[in-house]
Protein backbone atom coordinates (compact mmCIF):
# COMPACT_ATOMS: atom_id res chain seq x y z
CA MET A 1 19.21 -80.73 4.14
CA LYS A 2 16.70 -83.36 5.16
CA LYS A 3 13.06 -82.86 4.17
CA VAL A 4 10.34 -84.46 6.35
CA LEU A 5 6.61 -84.34 5.74
CA LEU A 6 4.20 -83.91 8.61
CA THR A 7 1.28 -86.40 8.82
CA LYS A 8 -2.07 -85.93 10.53
CA ALA A 9 -1.48 -88.75 12.95
CA GLN A 10 1.56 -87.21 14.43
CA HIS A 11 1.08 -85.08 17.53
CA ILE A 12 2.98 -81.80 17.64
CA GLN A 13 4.72 -81.02 20.92
CA PRO A 14 5.82 -77.43 21.52
CA VAL A 15 9.57 -77.47 21.52
CA VAL A 16 11.75 -74.41 21.72
CA ALA A 17 14.05 -74.14 18.71
CA SER A 18 17.72 -74.19 19.27
CA SER A 19 19.74 -71.13 18.55
CA SER A 20 21.85 -73.12 16.13
CA ASP A 21 18.92 -73.79 13.79
CA VAL A 22 18.91 -71.77 10.64
CA LEU A 23 15.72 -71.07 8.75
CA VAL A 24 15.93 -70.47 5.02
CA ILE A 25 12.88 -69.77 2.86
CA LYS A 26 13.23 -70.35 -0.86
CA PRO A 27 10.35 -70.07 -3.33
CA VAL A 28 10.43 -72.77 -6.00
CA GLY A 29 7.77 -72.32 -8.62
CA SER A 30 4.46 -71.69 -6.88
CA LEU A 31 5.65 -73.39 -3.67
CA ARG A 32 7.89 -72.15 -0.91
CA VAL A 33 10.25 -74.69 0.56
CA ILE A 34 11.40 -74.20 4.10
CA SER A 35 14.86 -75.66 4.46
CA ILE A 36 16.37 -76.18 7.85
CA SER A 37 19.61 -77.68 8.97
CA ALA A 38 19.77 -81.14 10.38
CA PRO A 39 17.57 -81.06 13.48
CA GLN A 40 18.84 -82.08 16.85
CA SER A 41 15.62 -83.95 17.40
CA ALA A 42 12.82 -85.10 15.14
CA ALA A 43 10.16 -83.25 17.17
CA THR A 44 11.78 -79.84 16.48
CA TYR A 45 11.91 -80.47 12.77
CA ILE A 46 8.33 -81.73 12.67
CA GLN A 47 7.16 -78.66 14.52
CA ARG A 48 8.88 -76.29 12.09
CA LYS A 49 7.68 -78.25 9.08
CA SER A 50 4.12 -77.94 10.29
CA PHE A 51 4.29 -74.13 10.06
CA GLN A 52 5.18 -74.13 6.37
CA PRO A 53 1.72 -73.01 5.07
CA VAL A 54 1.54 -70.44 7.85
CA TYR A 55 4.90 -69.00 6.84
CA GLU A 56 3.79 -68.88 3.24
CA ASP A 57 0.72 -66.81 4.11
CA ILE A 58 2.76 -64.54 6.40
CA PHE A 59 5.35 -63.77 3.74
CA LYS A 60 2.70 -63.24 1.06
CA LEU A 61 1.01 -60.65 3.22
CA LEU A 62 4.32 -59.20 4.33
CA MET A 63 5.48 -58.55 0.77
CA LYS A 64 2.18 -56.80 -0.07
CA ILE A 65 2.47 -54.24 2.72
CA PRO A 66 2.85 -50.78 1.09
CA ASP A 67 4.91 -49.51 4.02
CA LYS A 68 8.47 -50.31 2.91
CA ALA A 69 9.98 -49.17 6.20
CA LEU A 70 7.86 -51.64 8.16
CA THR A 71 8.73 -54.47 5.76
CA GLN A 72 12.40 -53.63 6.07
CA ARG A 73 12.21 -53.74 9.85
CA VAL A 74 10.68 -57.25 9.73
CA ILE A 75 13.41 -58.44 7.35
CA ASP A 76 16.08 -56.90 9.56
CA ALA A 77 14.63 -58.70 12.58
CA MET A 78 14.68 -61.99 10.67
CA ASN A 79 18.29 -61.40 9.61
CA GLY A 80 19.18 -60.83 13.24
CA SER A 81 20.83 -57.44 12.60
CA ASN A 82 21.68 -55.13 15.48
CA ASN A 83 21.21 -51.37 15.60
CA SER A 84 24.45 -50.66 13.80
CA ASP A 85 23.52 -53.03 10.94
CA LYS A 86 20.12 -51.38 10.35
CA ILE A 87 21.72 -48.31 8.90
CA ALA A 88 23.82 -50.33 6.50
CA ILE A 89 20.87 -52.53 5.43
CA SER A 90 18.49 -49.58 4.95
CA ASN A 91 20.84 -47.95 2.46
CA GLN A 92 20.19 -49.21 -1.03
CA GLY A 93 23.09 -50.13 -3.24
CA LYS A 94 25.07 -51.86 -0.40
CA HIS A 95 26.56 -55.34 -1.06
CA CYS A 96 27.18 -58.30 1.19
CA SER A 97 30.37 -60.32 1.49
CA CYS A 98 29.47 -62.43 -1.52
CA GLY A 99 29.15 -59.36 -3.73
CA VAL A 100 25.36 -59.63 -4.16
CA GLN A 101 22.98 -56.95 -3.09
CA LYS A 102 21.27 -57.69 0.22
CA VAL A 103 17.55 -58.25 0.62
CA ASP A 104 15.72 -54.94 0.89
CA SER A 105 12.06 -54.07 0.99
CA SER A 106 12.49 -51.69 -1.91
CA THR A 107 13.95 -54.50 -4.10
CA GLN A 108 11.41 -57.17 -3.15
CA THR A 109 8.97 -58.36 -5.76
CA ASP A 110 5.51 -59.76 -5.32
CA TRP A 111 5.28 -63.52 -4.98
CA ASP A 112 2.47 -63.62 -7.48
CA THR A 113 4.47 -62.14 -10.36
CA GLU A 114 5.24 -64.12 -13.48
CA GLU A 115 8.96 -64.50 -12.64
CA SER A 116 8.19 -66.00 -9.23
CA HIS A 117 6.27 -68.84 -10.88
CA LYS A 118 9.12 -69.85 -13.13
CA PRO A 119 10.80 -73.05 -11.95
CA GLY A 120 14.36 -72.89 -10.71
CA ILE A 121 14.27 -69.18 -9.87
CA THR A 122 14.64 -68.20 -6.26
CA ASN A 123 15.03 -64.93 -4.43
CA ASN A 124 18.32 -65.96 -2.93
CA SER A 125 20.87 -65.04 -5.58
CA CYS A 126 23.75 -66.12 -3.35
CA GLU A 127 22.69 -69.81 -3.44
CA ALA A 128 22.16 -69.65 -7.21
CA ASN A 129 25.88 -68.83 -7.50
CA GLY A 130 26.79 -71.78 -5.33
CA ASN A 131 27.44 -69.77 -2.23
CA THR A 132 25.96 -71.17 0.97
CA HIS A 133 25.93 -67.74 2.59
CA SER A 134 22.32 -66.90 3.72
CA HIS A 135 20.85 -63.45 4.23
CA MET A 136 18.51 -64.68 6.91
CA ALA A 137 21.09 -66.41 9.06
CA GLY A 138 21.24 -64.64 12.37
CA ARG A 139 24.45 -66.34 13.53
CA SER A 140 26.95 -67.63 10.99
CA SER A 141 30.36 -69.15 11.44
CA GLU A 142 31.70 -67.07 8.58
CA PRO A 143 32.18 -63.40 9.49
CA ILE A 144 30.26 -60.89 7.40
CA LYS A 145 32.43 -58.51 5.47
CA PRO A 146 31.66 -54.82 5.78
CA PRO A 147 29.52 -53.49 2.94
CA VAL A 148 31.23 -51.64 0.18
CA GLU A 149 29.71 -48.23 -0.36
CA PRO A 150 29.37 -47.08 -3.95
CA THR A 151 31.11 -43.94 -4.95
CA LYS A 152 28.86 -40.94 -4.85
CA VAL A 153 28.85 -38.78 -7.94
CA PRO A 154 28.16 -35.14 -7.07
CA LYS A 155 25.06 -33.89 -8.76
CA LYS A 156 25.71 -30.98 -11.05
CA ARG A 157 23.79 -27.96 -10.01
CA GLY A 158 22.06 -26.09 -12.76
CA ARG A 159 22.36 -22.38 -13.05
CA LYS A 160 19.82 -20.59 -10.98
CA ARG A 161 17.77 -18.24 -13.07
CA ASN A 162 16.60 -14.93 -11.80
CA SER A 163 12.89 -15.09 -11.36
CA CYS A 164 10.75 -12.00 -11.66
CA VAL A 165 9.51 -11.14 -8.19
CA PRO A 166 6.75 -8.55 -7.90
CA GLN A 167 8.00 -5.37 -6.32
CA VAL A 168 6.40 -4.11 -3.15
CA VAL A 169 4.80 -0.70 -3.54
CA LYS A 170 6.06 1.37 -0.67
CA ARG A 171 4.10 4.22 0.72
CA SER A 172 5.76 7.29 2.02
CA ALA A 173 5.54 8.31 5.65
CA ALA A 174 3.31 11.23 4.74
CA GLU A 175 0.79 8.96 2.98
CA MET A 176 0.70 6.51 5.92
CA ALA A 177 0.32 9.38 8.42
CA LEU A 178 -2.51 10.86 6.36
CA LYS A 179 -4.28 7.49 6.26
CA GLU A 180 -3.90 7.07 10.03
CA ARG A 181 -5.26 10.57 10.59
CA GLU A 182 -8.33 9.80 8.48
CA GLU A 183 -8.94 6.63 10.50
CA LYS A 184 -8.59 8.50 13.81
CA GLN A 185 -10.80 11.44 12.86
CA LEU A 186 -13.80 11.77 15.10
CA THR A 187 -15.94 13.75 12.64
CA PRO A 188 -15.95 13.60 8.85
CA VAL A 189 -13.97 16.07 6.81
CA ILE A 190 -15.65 17.69 3.82
CA THR A 191 -14.35 16.18 0.64
CA LYS A 192 -13.13 18.27 -2.24
CA ARG A 193 -15.65 18.88 -4.97
CA LYS A 194 -14.88 17.59 -8.40
CA LYS A 195 -14.01 20.07 -11.09
CA ARG A 196 -16.63 20.73 -13.69
CA GLU A 197 -15.87 18.81 -16.83
CA VAL A 198 -15.79 20.56 -20.18
CA THR A 199 -18.48 19.36 -22.55
CA GLN A 200 -17.72 16.80 -25.20
CA ALA A 201 -18.70 19.23 -27.96
CA GLN A 202 -16.15 21.76 -26.76
CA LYS A 203 -13.46 19.10 -26.46
CA PHE A 204 -14.28 17.88 -29.95
CA GLY A 205 -13.99 21.40 -31.33
CA GLU A 206 -10.63 21.93 -29.62
CA ASN A 207 -9.25 18.63 -30.85
CA ARG A 208 -10.47 19.37 -34.36
CA ILE A 209 -8.64 22.70 -34.36
CA GLN A 210 -5.46 21.12 -32.93
CA ASN A 211 -5.45 18.18 -35.31
CA LYS A 212 -6.17 20.25 -38.41
CA THR A 213 -3.21 20.27 -40.76
CA LEU A 214 -2.47 23.42 -42.66
CA VAL A 215 -2.18 23.01 -46.42
CA ARG A 216 -0.59 25.73 -48.43
CA SER A 217 -2.52 26.63 -51.56
CA ASP A 218 -1.13 28.27 -54.63
CA SER A 219 -2.20 31.87 -54.90
CA ILE A 220 -3.09 33.32 -58.25
CA MET A 221 -2.50 36.81 -56.90
CA SER A 222 1.15 36.24 -55.98
CA ASP A 223 2.34 38.48 -58.77
CA ILE A 224 0.30 41.48 -57.61
CA SER A 225 2.39 44.17 -55.97
CA ILE A 226 1.30 45.58 -52.57
CA ASN A 227 2.26 49.05 -51.53
CA SER A 228 3.63 49.98 -48.09
CA GLU A 229 0.31 51.36 -46.87
CA GLU A 230 -1.44 48.06 -47.41
CA LEU A 231 1.43 46.20 -45.78
CA ASN A 232 1.12 48.32 -42.66
CA ARG A 233 -2.62 47.67 -42.60
CA VAL A 234 -2.03 43.91 -42.80
CA GLU A 235 0.59 44.05 -40.05
CA ASN A 236 -1.74 46.02 -37.79
CA PHE A 237 -4.52 43.52 -38.41
CA ILE A 238 -2.25 40.57 -37.55
CA SER A 239 -0.70 42.17 -34.46
CA GLY A 240 -4.12 43.05 -33.03
CA ASN A 241 -3.78 46.81 -33.19
CA ASN A 242 -6.40 47.21 -35.83
CA GLU A 243 -9.41 49.06 -34.53
CA ASP A 244 -11.80 47.29 -36.86
CA ARG A 245 -10.77 43.89 -35.56
CA ILE A 246 -11.16 44.97 -31.93
CA ILE A 247 -14.58 46.42 -32.64
CA ARG A 248 -15.76 43.20 -34.29
CA ILE A 249 -14.51 41.06 -31.38
CA MET A 250 -16.14 43.24 -28.73
CA ALA A 251 -19.35 43.50 -30.70
CA ASN A 252 -19.52 39.72 -30.67
CA GLU A 253 -18.93 39.72 -26.89
CA PHE A 254 -21.75 42.23 -26.34
CA ARG A 255 -24.05 40.17 -28.51
CA LYS A 256 -23.58 36.82 -26.72
CA TRP A 257 -22.88 37.72 -23.04
CA HIS A 258 -26.43 36.85 -21.88
CA ILE A 259 -26.91 33.69 -23.99
CA MET A 260 -26.82 30.56 -21.83
CA SER A 261 -25.45 27.35 -23.30
CA ASP A 262 -27.06 23.92 -23.14
CA GLU A 263 -24.93 23.15 -20.08
CA GLY A 264 -26.39 26.12 -18.22
CA LEU A 265 -23.30 28.34 -18.49
CA LEU A 266 -22.96 31.94 -19.59
CA PRO A 267 -19.95 33.00 -21.70
CA ILE A 268 -18.14 34.39 -18.64
CA HIS A 269 -18.56 31.04 -16.89
CA GLU A 270 -17.11 29.18 -19.85
CA GLU A 271 -14.12 31.52 -19.94
CA ILE A 272 -13.54 30.88 -16.22
CA LEU A 273 -13.67 27.10 -16.68
CA HIS A 274 -11.22 27.33 -19.60
CA SER A 275 -8.90 29.64 -17.56
CA ASP A 276 -8.96 32.17 -20.39
CA VAL A 277 -7.73 35.38 -18.76
CA TYR A 278 -8.40 37.59 -21.80
CA GLY A 279 -11.86 36.10 -22.27
CA VAL A 280 -12.73 36.92 -18.64
CA LYS A 281 -11.41 40.46 -19.14
CA ARG A 282 -13.64 40.96 -22.17
CA GLN A 283 -16.72 39.68 -20.34
CA ILE A 284 -16.03 41.89 -17.31
CA PHE A 285 -15.67 44.85 -19.68
CA VAL A 286 -19.08 44.01 -21.13
CA CYS A 287 -20.60 43.79 -17.63
CA CYS A 288 -19.20 47.18 -16.68
CA HIS A 289 -20.51 48.92 -19.82
CA THR A 290 -23.96 47.30 -19.78
CA ASN A 291 -24.55 48.05 -16.07
CA VAL A 292 -24.78 44.35 -15.24
CA ASN A 293 -23.89 43.28 -11.71
CA ILE A 294 -21.38 40.43 -11.86
CA ASN A 295 -22.93 38.94 -8.71
CA GLU A 296 -26.13 38.30 -10.68
CA LEU A 297 -24.44 36.20 -13.35
CA LEU A 298 -25.34 32.73 -12.08
CA THR A 299 -25.22 29.33 -13.71
CA ARG A 300 -28.27 27.15 -14.04
CA ASP A 301 -27.17 25.41 -10.79
CA GLY A 302 -26.99 28.75 -8.95
CA GLU A 303 -23.20 29.11 -8.88
CA ASP A 304 -21.73 32.59 -9.14
CA CYS A 305 -18.41 33.47 -10.78
CA LEU A 306 -16.35 33.37 -7.57
CA GLU A 307 -17.73 30.00 -6.46
CA LEU A 308 -17.08 28.59 -9.92
CA ALA A 309 -13.50 29.88 -9.86
CA LEU A 310 -12.78 28.53 -6.35
CA THR A 311 -14.28 25.09 -6.85
CA ASN A 312 -12.33 24.59 -10.08
CA ASP A 313 -9.00 26.09 -8.85
CA THR A 314 -8.63 28.54 -11.71
CA ASP A 315 -5.74 30.91 -12.29
CA THR A 316 -4.93 33.44 -9.55
CA GLU A 317 -5.23 36.30 -12.03
CA ILE A 318 -8.80 35.30 -12.86
CA ILE A 319 -9.74 35.35 -9.15
CA SER A 320 -8.13 38.78 -8.89
CA LEU A 321 -10.16 40.04 -11.88
CA ILE A 322 -13.40 38.73 -10.37
CA LEU A 323 -12.67 40.39 -7.01
CA ASP A 324 -11.76 43.66 -8.72
CA ALA A 325 -15.14 43.58 -10.47
CA ARG A 326 -16.83 44.15 -7.07
CA MET A 327 -17.64 40.53 -6.46
CA MET A 328 -19.14 39.95 -3.01
CA THR A 329 -16.98 37.84 -0.68
CA ASP A 330 -19.34 37.61 2.30
CA HIS A 331 -21.85 35.34 0.59
CA LEU A 332 -22.68 32.01 2.26
CA TYR A 333 -22.73 29.07 -0.12
CA GLU A 334 -23.89 25.48 0.25
CA ASN A 335 -23.56 23.99 3.78
CA SER A 336 -22.97 27.52 5.13
CA ASN A 337 -19.48 27.65 3.66
CA THR A 338 -17.87 31.02 3.08
CA ALA A 339 -15.65 31.77 0.09
CA LEU A 340 -12.60 30.96 2.22
CA HIS A 341 -14.18 27.68 3.32
CA LEU A 342 -14.55 26.72 -0.35
CA ALA A 343 -10.94 27.70 -1.03
CA VAL A 344 -9.62 25.49 1.80
CA ILE A 345 -11.94 22.58 1.05
CA ASN A 346 -10.89 22.55 -2.63
CA ASN A 347 -7.22 23.09 -1.69
CA ILE A 348 -6.64 25.81 -4.27
CA ASN A 349 -3.37 27.60 -4.93
CA ILE A 350 -1.88 29.18 -1.81
CA GLU A 351 -1.36 32.48 -3.67
CA SER A 352 -5.08 32.59 -4.44
CA ILE A 353 -5.85 32.02 -0.76
CA ARG A 354 -3.51 34.84 0.27
CA LEU A 355 -5.21 37.09 -2.29
CA LEU A 356 -8.64 36.14 -0.95
CA LEU A 357 -7.54 36.77 2.65
CA ARG A 358 -6.58 40.34 1.73
CA ARG A 359 -10.02 41.00 0.23
CA ILE A 360 -12.38 39.42 2.79
CA ASP A 361 -13.53 40.61 6.17
CA LEU A 362 -11.38 38.90 8.81
CA ASN A 363 -14.39 38.53 11.10
CA SER A 364 -15.55 35.76 8.73
CA LEU A 365 -12.68 33.66 10.10
CA LEU A 366 -14.85 33.04 13.17
CA LEU A 367 -17.79 31.71 11.13
CA THR A 368 -18.44 27.97 11.17
CA ASN A 369 -20.07 25.89 8.48
CA ASP A 370 -22.76 23.26 9.00
CA ASP A 371 -20.12 20.79 10.22
CA GLY A 372 -19.08 23.26 12.93
CA TYR A 373 -15.59 24.05 11.58
CA THR A 374 -13.92 27.38 11.11
CA VAL A 375 -11.42 27.90 8.30
CA LEU A 376 -8.49 27.28 10.67
CA HIS A 377 -10.07 24.01 11.85
CA LEU A 378 -10.27 22.78 8.27
CA ALA A 379 -6.68 23.80 7.54
CA VAL A 380 -5.34 21.97 10.62
CA ARG A 381 -7.46 18.85 10.12
CA ASN A 382 -6.43 18.57 6.47
CA ASN A 383 -2.76 19.28 7.31
CA GLN A 384 -2.71 22.43 5.16
CA PHE A 385 -0.02 24.12 7.25
CA LEU A 386 0.71 26.78 4.61
CA VAL A 387 -2.96 27.81 4.66
CA ALA A 388 -2.95 28.00 8.47
CA GLU A 389 0.17 30.16 8.29
CA ALA A 390 -1.45 32.46 5.70
CA ILE A 391 -4.55 32.88 7.92
CA LEU A 392 -2.61 33.98 11.01
CA ASP A 393 -0.18 36.09 8.99
CA SER A 394 -3.09 37.96 7.40
CA ILE A 395 -4.41 38.80 10.89
CA ASP A 396 -0.96 40.09 11.89
CA GLU A 397 -0.72 42.23 8.75
CA CYS A 398 -4.16 43.70 9.36
CA GLU A 399 -3.60 44.47 13.04
CA LEU A 400 0.14 45.18 13.20
CA GLY A 401 0.98 46.14 9.63
CA GLU A 402 3.48 43.28 9.35
CA THR A 403 3.76 39.62 10.27
CA VAL A 404 5.27 38.48 13.56
CA TYR A 405 7.14 35.62 11.89
CA ARG A 406 8.71 36.40 8.51
CA ARG A 407 9.28 32.94 7.13
CA THR A 408 7.70 33.80 3.78
CA GLN A 409 10.00 36.82 3.40
CA GLU A 410 13.17 35.12 4.61
CA VAL A 411 13.14 32.05 2.33
CA SER A 412 13.26 31.96 -1.46
CA ASN A 413 10.48 29.39 -2.07
CA PRO A 414 8.13 29.47 0.95
CA ASN A 415 5.46 27.43 -0.85
CA GLU A 416 7.76 24.44 -1.39
CA TRP A 417 8.58 23.76 2.27
CA ASP A 418 7.91 20.33 3.71
CA GLU A 419 6.69 19.42 7.18
CA LYS A 420 10.18 18.94 8.63
CA GLY A 421 11.43 22.36 7.53
CA PHE A 422 8.20 23.99 8.71
CA ALA A 423 8.49 22.30 12.12
CA LYS A 424 12.17 23.25 12.46
CA TYR A 425 11.46 26.94 11.78
CA TYR A 426 8.65 27.24 14.33
CA ASP A 427 10.53 25.10 16.84
CA ARG A 428 13.22 27.79 16.86
CA ALA A 429 10.44 30.40 17.09
CA CYS A 430 9.17 28.71 20.26
CA GLU A 431 12.64 28.92 21.75
CA ARG A 432 12.62 32.71 21.19
CA LEU A 433 9.05 33.10 22.39
CA GLU A 434 10.04 35.54 25.13
CA MET A 435 11.19 38.04 22.50
CA SER A 436 7.95 38.00 20.50
CA LYS A 437 5.41 37.65 23.30
CA SER A 438 4.78 41.41 23.36
CA PHE A 439 3.46 41.22 19.76
CA LEU A 440 1.25 38.21 20.48
CA LYS A 441 -0.37 38.88 23.85
CA ASN A 442 -3.55 40.89 24.46
CA ARG A 443 -4.87 40.53 20.92
CA THR A 444 -8.50 39.53 21.25
CA HIS A 445 -9.40 38.80 17.65
CA LYS A 446 -6.40 36.60 16.93
CA ARG A 447 -6.84 34.77 20.23
CA ASN A 448 -10.49 34.09 19.40
CA VAL A 449 -9.55 32.71 15.97
CA ILE A 450 -6.70 30.51 17.20
CA ASN A 451 -8.66 29.15 20.18
CA ALA A 452 -12.07 28.86 18.48
CA SER A 453 -14.06 25.73 19.37
CA GLU A 454 -15.77 23.64 16.75
CA ALA A 455 -19.50 23.18 17.25
CA ARG A 456 -19.74 19.41 17.71
CA GLY A 457 -16.99 18.54 20.17
CA GLY A 458 -15.73 21.95 21.22
CA ASN A 459 -12.16 21.13 20.16
CA PRO A 460 -9.74 23.99 19.40
CA PRO A 461 -7.33 23.70 16.44
CA LEU A 462 -4.43 22.79 18.76
CA PHE A 463 -6.38 19.76 20.02
CA TYR A 464 -6.70 18.43 16.45
CA ALA A 465 -2.97 19.03 15.87
CA VAL A 466 -2.07 16.96 18.95
CA GLU A 467 -4.66 14.27 18.21
CA GLY A 468 -3.50 13.98 14.60
CA GLU A 469 0.17 13.74 15.68
CA GLN A 470 1.02 16.81 13.57
CA GLU A 471 4.11 18.00 15.36
CA HIS A 472 4.83 20.81 12.88
CA LEU A 473 1.38 22.32 13.43
CA CYS A 474 1.79 21.99 17.21
CA TYR A 475 4.94 24.12 17.09
CA PHE A 476 3.25 26.60 14.74
CA LEU A 477 0.14 27.11 16.89
CA LEU A 478 2.12 27.28 20.13
CA ALA A 479 4.45 29.86 18.54
CA HIS A 480 1.31 32.02 18.05
CA LEU A 481 0.36 31.43 21.73
CA ALA A 482 -2.48 28.95 21.26
CA ASP A 483 -3.83 28.09 24.72
CA PRO A 484 -2.93 24.47 25.70
CA ASP A 485 -5.52 24.57 28.53
CA GLU A 486 -8.49 25.31 26.24
CA GLU A 487 -10.96 22.53 27.11
CA ASN A 488 -13.49 20.90 24.81
CA LEU A 489 -17.01 19.77 25.70
CA SER A 490 -15.64 16.60 27.31
CA GLY A 491 -13.32 18.52 29.61
CA HIS A 492 -10.13 17.55 27.77
CA SER A 493 -7.55 20.11 26.75
CA PRO A 494 -4.61 19.69 24.35
CA LYS A 495 -2.28 19.52 27.32
CA SER A 496 -4.27 16.84 29.18
CA TYR A 497 -4.74 14.81 26.01
CA HIS A 498 -1.01 14.90 25.28
CA TYR A 499 -0.19 13.99 28.89
CA GLU A 500 -2.59 11.02 28.84
CA TYR A 501 -1.57 9.59 25.46
CA ALA A 502 2.06 10.73 25.32
CA ARG A 503 3.35 7.16 25.08
CA THR A 504 1.25 6.29 22.06
CA LEU A 505 1.51 9.62 20.24
CA ARG A 506 4.37 10.03 17.78
CA ILE A 507 5.16 13.54 18.95
CA ASN A 508 8.36 14.82 20.47
CA LEU A 509 8.12 15.33 24.22
CA LYS A 510 9.53 18.79 23.62
CA VAL A 511 5.97 19.82 22.70
CA ALA A 512 4.95 19.33 26.35
CA ARG A 513 7.73 21.67 27.51
CA VAL A 514 6.62 24.29 24.97
CA MET A 515 3.06 23.97 26.28
CA GLU A 516 4.25 24.70 29.80
CA LYS A 517 6.19 27.70 28.50
CA VAL A 518 3.13 29.09 26.69
CA ILE A 519 0.93 28.61 29.76
CA GLY A 520 3.48 30.54 31.82
CA ILE A 521 3.45 33.44 29.32
CA LEU A 522 -0.35 33.57 29.14
CA ASN A 523 -0.73 33.55 32.93
CA THR A 524 1.74 36.38 33.54
């Protein structure tokens, strides 16, 4: 290689470089020497030599570019590689024909490092081994051998551990349907009242009795003999047949029946809250023998015995004892609720509701509370289908002496039926509606109860069953000949509402056919 220095006096003429010229850049110490092959003319060599400082600045800046892909593309263009060679050059670990790794942007070092300033060290490792093969030569007489790919060692996959994934809490279809009904309700439903809590002093006394451990003490009278008469007396005292014991207990009941506690409760009220059947019996006995009206025994908040029993869902036997003691059932409580309203709102035991229905005046089924609902409206809106069945069955028993549909007598556990079984039974009843229509038609009181309109919107119970997508209640009400053409204050009937929103309602279209069947029976 011939090195020529460019002077200031020489004039540079632009000459196009020949394709046979080969440009090789080698850093030596802090300088970069541009070596070219023997020029065909002196002007071409002088022109290239003049660009030496420019090339130095270009390559300094090029090597400092953080984008390795862009640097690699510039190096590939300088090497004169085609599209097929770019893939081979971009892969690290490939070797050229001389066995040395090719120039790659990921293996380039900065020109300003300490190793680059050491004399005799260049970036071209092929020339250091005496090989004249250049990585920047675009056209070379010696063919380039294909790169040898290193063997790939498969990476060993570690064992995948089972990670703890939080489980999704699924809601049942009944819970989702209940939530959707609450969102779609046009008027608020009365919420159930909370049960009265027992005082802390009473709880403490009960826990103290339960947690007390019995300790047997040595008796000094163990050697005394007891005759048979005394043994019988002890047995009678323990078994409760002793007259003296009974007299003492009842005397205590007579003494404290009118004493009100700090919580504003009389003894009979406390026995009701504790569901003590025998305690309620003793207090009722006291009321009967002291000529005290049980309706006058009120708490400090003005609650009578029946209201207290219904709002706290006490035992059915206690409700029966209170009703047998001539408790009034036609009293109107807070928000104009009747006793049956309170029973449905607090969702008490169905047996207690059936007992209450046999003791009340059935005309109270037409009374509405301050929210404008009858008892049947509340039962349908709250999806209490067993309560709705008990209401209509009680009307049948009062007017006909027996029920029209005997589901409660035909099955073993009528109180444990679900919505599907309830709907299936009354769906079959609707199919046999022609046989039972003689027992259902021309009954004014039952028709008034089943088609009663609530005060705010004028909706009958069947309208709420269709609106709430309660298919089982639709079959039940239609089986008792509820009128599908009963219009509300907006002029909509259950039939028109179902016809308008049939595509969005999750109700079987068979309900529409049953409606047509009921309309035909009522119009004949």
